[in-house]
Each structure stands twice: as structure tokens, then as C-alpha cells.
N, C-alpha and C. Protein backbone atom coordinates (compact mmCIF):
# COMPACT_ATOMS: atom_id res chain seq x y z
N MET A 1 -2.58 -13.00 3.73
CA MET A 1 -1.72 -12.73 2.56
C MET A 1 -1.20 -11.29 2.56
N THR A 2 -0.04 -11.21 2.01
CA THR A 2 0.66 -9.96 2.04
C THR A 2 1.52 -9.92 0.72
N SER A 3 2.08 -8.88 0.51
CA SER A 3 3.35 -8.72 -0.50
C SER A 3 4.59 -9.37 -0.15
N ALA A 4 5.29 -9.88 -0.95
CA ALA A 4 6.59 -10.34 -0.54
C ALA A 4 7.51 -9.04 -0.30
N SER A 5 7.30 -7.90 -0.62
CA SER A 5 7.90 -6.69 -0.43
C SER A 5 7.69 -6.17 0.84
N LEU A 6 6.75 -6.55 1.72
CA LEU A 6 6.55 -6.26 3.00
C LEU A 6 7.96 -6.77 3.94
N SER A 7 8.44 -5.80 4.58
CA SER A 7 9.58 -6.18 5.27
C SER A 7 9.40 -7.18 6.39
N ASP A 8 10.32 -8.03 6.77
CA ASP A 8 10.14 -9.07 7.69
C ASP A 8 9.74 -8.51 9.06
N ASP A 9 10.16 -7.50 9.52
CA ASP A 9 9.83 -6.75 10.67
C ASP A 9 8.22 -6.38 10.78
N ASP A 10 7.85 -5.78 9.66
CA ASP A 10 6.55 -5.38 9.46
C ASP A 10 5.51 -6.64 9.46
N ALA A 11 5.91 -7.61 8.76
CA ALA A 11 5.27 -8.94 8.79
C ALA A 11 5.18 -9.41 10.23
N TYR A 12 6.11 -9.41 10.74
CA TYR A 12 6.26 -10.04 12.22
C TYR A 12 5.30 -9.28 13.11
N LYS A 13 5.46 -7.88 13.05
CA LYS A 13 4.54 -7.02 13.89
C LYS A 13 3.09 -7.29 13.48
N LEU A 14 2.73 -7.37 12.39
CA LEU A 14 1.41 -7.52 11.92
C LEU A 14 0.77 -8.81 12.47
N ILE A 15 1.46 -10.04 12.38
CA ILE A 15 0.96 -11.14 12.81
C ILE A 15 0.96 -11.29 14.36
N LYS A 16 2.07 -10.73 14.85
CA LYS A 16 2.07 -10.73 16.35
C LYS A 16 0.81 -9.81 16.95
N THR A 17 0.49 -8.73 16.35
CA THR A 17 -0.72 -8.00 16.61
C THR A 17 -2.01 -8.71 16.54
N LEU A 18 -2.23 -9.35 15.21
CA LEU A 18 -3.33 -10.06 15.12
C LEU A 18 -3.45 -11.42 16.35
N HIS A 19 -2.29 -11.85 16.44
CA HIS A 19 -2.26 -13.12 17.41
C HIS A 19 -2.55 -12.78 18.69
N GLU A 20 -1.84 -11.64 19.25
CA GLU A 20 -2.11 -11.09 20.52
C GLU A 20 -3.60 -10.58 20.80
N ASN A 21 -4.28 -10.02 19.79
CA ASN A 21 -5.51 -9.53 19.95
C ASN A 21 -6.75 -10.40 19.49
N TRP A 22 -6.27 -11.56 19.13
CA TRP A 22 -7.31 -12.47 18.48
C TRP A 22 -8.62 -12.58 19.17
N GLU A 23 -8.55 -12.77 20.40
CA GLU A 23 -9.87 -12.79 21.14
C GLU A 23 -10.71 -11.59 21.02
N LYS A 24 -10.24 -10.36 21.13
CA LYS A 24 -11.10 -9.20 20.77
C LYS A 24 -11.38 -9.28 19.39
N LEU A 25 -10.70 -9.48 18.43
CA LEU A 25 -11.10 -9.56 17.02
C LEU A 25 -12.15 -10.49 16.90
N ARG A 26 -12.12 -11.68 17.50
CA ARG A 26 -13.26 -12.54 17.35
C ARG A 26 -14.57 -12.08 17.74
N GLU A 27 -14.50 -11.24 19.01
CA GLU A 27 -15.69 -10.50 19.40
C GLU A 27 -16.26 -9.72 18.48
N ASP A 28 -15.40 -8.90 17.99
CA ASP A 28 -15.96 -7.76 16.99
C ASP A 28 -16.14 -8.32 15.62
N TYR A 29 -15.64 -9.41 15.05
CA TYR A 29 -16.00 -9.91 13.80
C TYR A 29 -16.41 -11.24 13.71
N PRO A 30 -17.78 -11.51 13.79
CA PRO A 30 -18.26 -12.91 13.87
C PRO A 30 -17.64 -14.00 13.06
N PRO A 31 -17.31 -13.87 11.89
CA PRO A 31 -16.74 -14.91 11.22
C PRO A 31 -15.37 -15.36 11.70
N LEU A 32 -14.70 -14.69 12.49
CA LEU A 32 -13.62 -15.32 13.06
C LEU A 32 -13.80 -16.04 14.47
N ARG A 33 -14.89 -16.29 14.80
CA ARG A 33 -15.27 -16.87 15.96
C ARG A 33 -15.19 -18.47 15.86
N SER A 34 -15.02 -18.97 14.71
CA SER A 34 -14.78 -20.42 14.64
C SER A 34 -13.41 -20.85 14.55
N VAL A 35 -12.42 -19.77 14.69
CA VAL A 35 -11.04 -20.06 14.45
C VAL A 35 -10.45 -19.64 15.88
N ALA A 36 -9.88 -20.93 16.38
CA ALA A 36 -9.04 -20.59 17.59
C ALA A 36 -7.78 -19.89 17.35
N ARG A 37 -7.28 -19.26 18.44
CA ARG A 37 -6.05 -18.31 18.29
C ARG A 37 -4.84 -19.29 17.86
N ASP A 38 -4.80 -20.65 18.47
CA ASP A 38 -3.68 -21.47 18.27
C ASP A 38 -3.86 -22.21 16.87
N LYS A 39 -4.85 -21.74 16.15
CA LYS A 39 -5.09 -22.43 14.74
C LYS A 39 -4.64 -21.33 13.59
N LEU A 40 -3.94 -20.23 13.91
CA LEU A 40 -3.69 -19.13 12.92
C LEU A 40 -2.73 -19.69 11.97
N ALA A 41 -1.83 -20.47 12.32
CA ALA A 41 -0.72 -20.87 11.52
C ALA A 41 -1.16 -22.14 10.65
N LEU A 42 -1.87 -22.24 9.71
CA LEU A 42 -2.23 -23.47 9.16
C LEU A 42 -1.13 -24.02 8.29
N VAL A 43 -1.17 -25.47 8.34
CA VAL A 43 -0.17 -26.15 7.52
C VAL A 43 -0.46 -26.39 5.96
N ASP A 44 -1.73 -26.63 5.77
CA ASP A 44 -2.27 -26.80 4.53
C ASP A 44 -2.66 -25.55 3.69
N VAL A 45 -1.56 -24.85 3.30
CA VAL A 45 -1.93 -23.60 2.71
C VAL A 45 -1.36 -23.61 1.18
N THR A 46 -1.96 -22.55 0.29
CA THR A 46 -1.71 -22.57 -1.11
C THR A 46 -0.60 -21.52 -1.34
N ALA A 47 -0.07 -20.89 -0.59
CA ALA A 47 0.97 -19.80 -0.89
C ALA A 47 1.96 -19.94 0.41
N PRO A 48 3.15 -19.47 0.21
CA PRO A 48 4.25 -19.60 1.26
C PRO A 48 3.92 -18.46 2.35
N TYR A 49 4.32 -18.89 3.47
CA TYR A 49 4.27 -17.83 4.62
C TYR A 49 5.39 -16.82 4.46
N HIS A 50 5.14 -15.78 4.88
CA HIS A 50 6.16 -14.56 4.94
C HIS A 50 7.23 -14.79 5.98
N PRO A 51 8.48 -14.73 5.79
CA PRO A 51 9.51 -15.04 6.78
C PRO A 51 9.40 -14.19 8.02
N GLY A 52 8.85 -13.09 8.10
CA GLY A 52 8.39 -12.45 9.27
C GLY A 52 7.46 -13.05 10.23
N ALA A 53 6.40 -13.55 9.47
CA ALA A 53 5.30 -14.44 10.09
C ALA A 53 5.79 -15.82 10.65
N ILE A 54 6.74 -16.47 9.89
CA ILE A 54 7.44 -17.64 10.31
C ILE A 54 8.03 -17.47 11.43
N ARG A 55 8.82 -16.30 11.57
CA ARG A 55 9.59 -16.16 12.81
C ARG A 55 8.72 -15.78 14.07
N TYR A 56 7.63 -15.36 13.93
CA TYR A 56 6.82 -15.00 15.11
C TYR A 56 5.99 -16.29 15.48
N PHE A 57 5.50 -17.17 14.47
CA PHE A 57 5.02 -18.36 14.71
C PHE A 57 6.02 -19.39 15.42
N LYS A 58 7.21 -19.38 15.15
CA LYS A 58 8.18 -20.10 15.72
C LYS A 58 8.29 -19.76 17.15
N GLU A 59 8.50 -18.42 17.45
CA GLU A 59 8.67 -17.90 18.67
C GLU A 59 7.62 -18.20 19.77
N VAL A 60 6.33 -18.37 19.18
CA VAL A 60 5.14 -18.61 20.06
C VAL A 60 4.88 -20.26 19.96
N GLY A 61 5.54 -21.00 19.22
CA GLY A 61 5.32 -22.53 19.29
C GLY A 61 4.30 -23.05 18.48
N LEU A 62 3.89 -22.15 17.42
CA LEU A 62 2.80 -22.51 16.40
C LEU A 62 3.46 -23.08 15.30
N TRP A 63 4.62 -23.05 14.93
CA TRP A 63 5.33 -23.62 13.84
C TRP A 63 5.89 -25.08 14.08
N THR A 64 5.63 -25.91 13.07
CA THR A 64 6.01 -27.35 13.44
C THR A 64 7.01 -27.91 12.27
N ASP A 65 7.37 -29.07 12.33
CA ASP A 65 8.01 -29.55 11.14
C ASP A 65 7.13 -29.79 9.84
N ALA A 66 5.94 -30.04 10.15
CA ALA A 66 4.90 -30.03 8.98
C ALA A 66 4.83 -28.72 8.27
N HIS A 67 5.01 -27.64 9.16
CA HIS A 67 5.02 -26.33 8.34
C HIS A 67 6.22 -26.03 7.44
N ASP A 68 7.45 -26.61 8.04
CA ASP A 68 8.68 -26.34 7.31
C ASP A 68 8.59 -27.29 6.10
N ALA A 69 7.98 -28.44 6.00
CA ALA A 69 7.96 -29.25 4.93
C ALA A 69 6.93 -28.53 3.93
N LYS A 70 5.81 -28.01 4.32
CA LYS A 70 4.89 -27.45 3.29
C LYS A 70 5.56 -26.17 2.82
N GLN A 71 6.39 -25.40 3.60
CA GLN A 71 7.06 -24.22 3.09
C GLN A 71 8.14 -24.62 2.11
N ALA A 72 8.78 -25.76 2.29
CA ALA A 72 9.86 -26.21 1.39
C ALA A 72 9.11 -26.47 -0.02
N SER A 73 8.01 -26.96 -0.07
CA SER A 73 7.33 -27.46 -1.19
C SER A 73 7.16 -26.07 -2.23
N PHE A 74 7.13 -24.87 -1.81
CA PHE A 74 6.98 -23.81 -2.57
C PHE A 74 8.35 -23.39 -3.19
N LYS A 75 9.35 -24.00 -3.03
CA LYS A 75 10.52 -23.55 -3.60
C LYS A 75 10.97 -24.22 -4.80
């Protein structure tokens, strides 16, 4: 979760950093161990994704048509 006022580039960099370092984060923070790296872009969410995060998830192949449909439901 983040503010809508966060720039697209900053949101992109934030999710990219989390995604690229997920395995290390899982080692350091046990509650994350049950979440696989390829499951960071959940479909069934209660708030829209930030455009910068969407851009990153699309680039790495984690964004699907189901994500687009869910995102559209927030408009």
C-alpha cells in the first residue's frame, strides 16, 4: 500500500526492489516465507494497484487479464 501521490517511477522502483530481493527478504523476515516471489501481484485485492507497480508487474509477466479486470472494477 502506498499513497496515490507517490510518483510512478518511485512506485516502480519500490516494487522492483522488493521483487528482485524477495528471497533475501524472506530469509530475514519469517512471515514472508510463505509467499512465493511470483505471487506478489495478487488478483483479489481491495484497493487498486499503483500505475508504477502495474508497469513493473507487466514487464516481468506477473500481470494478467484478471488483474486488468480487477483494476477496472475500482474505477
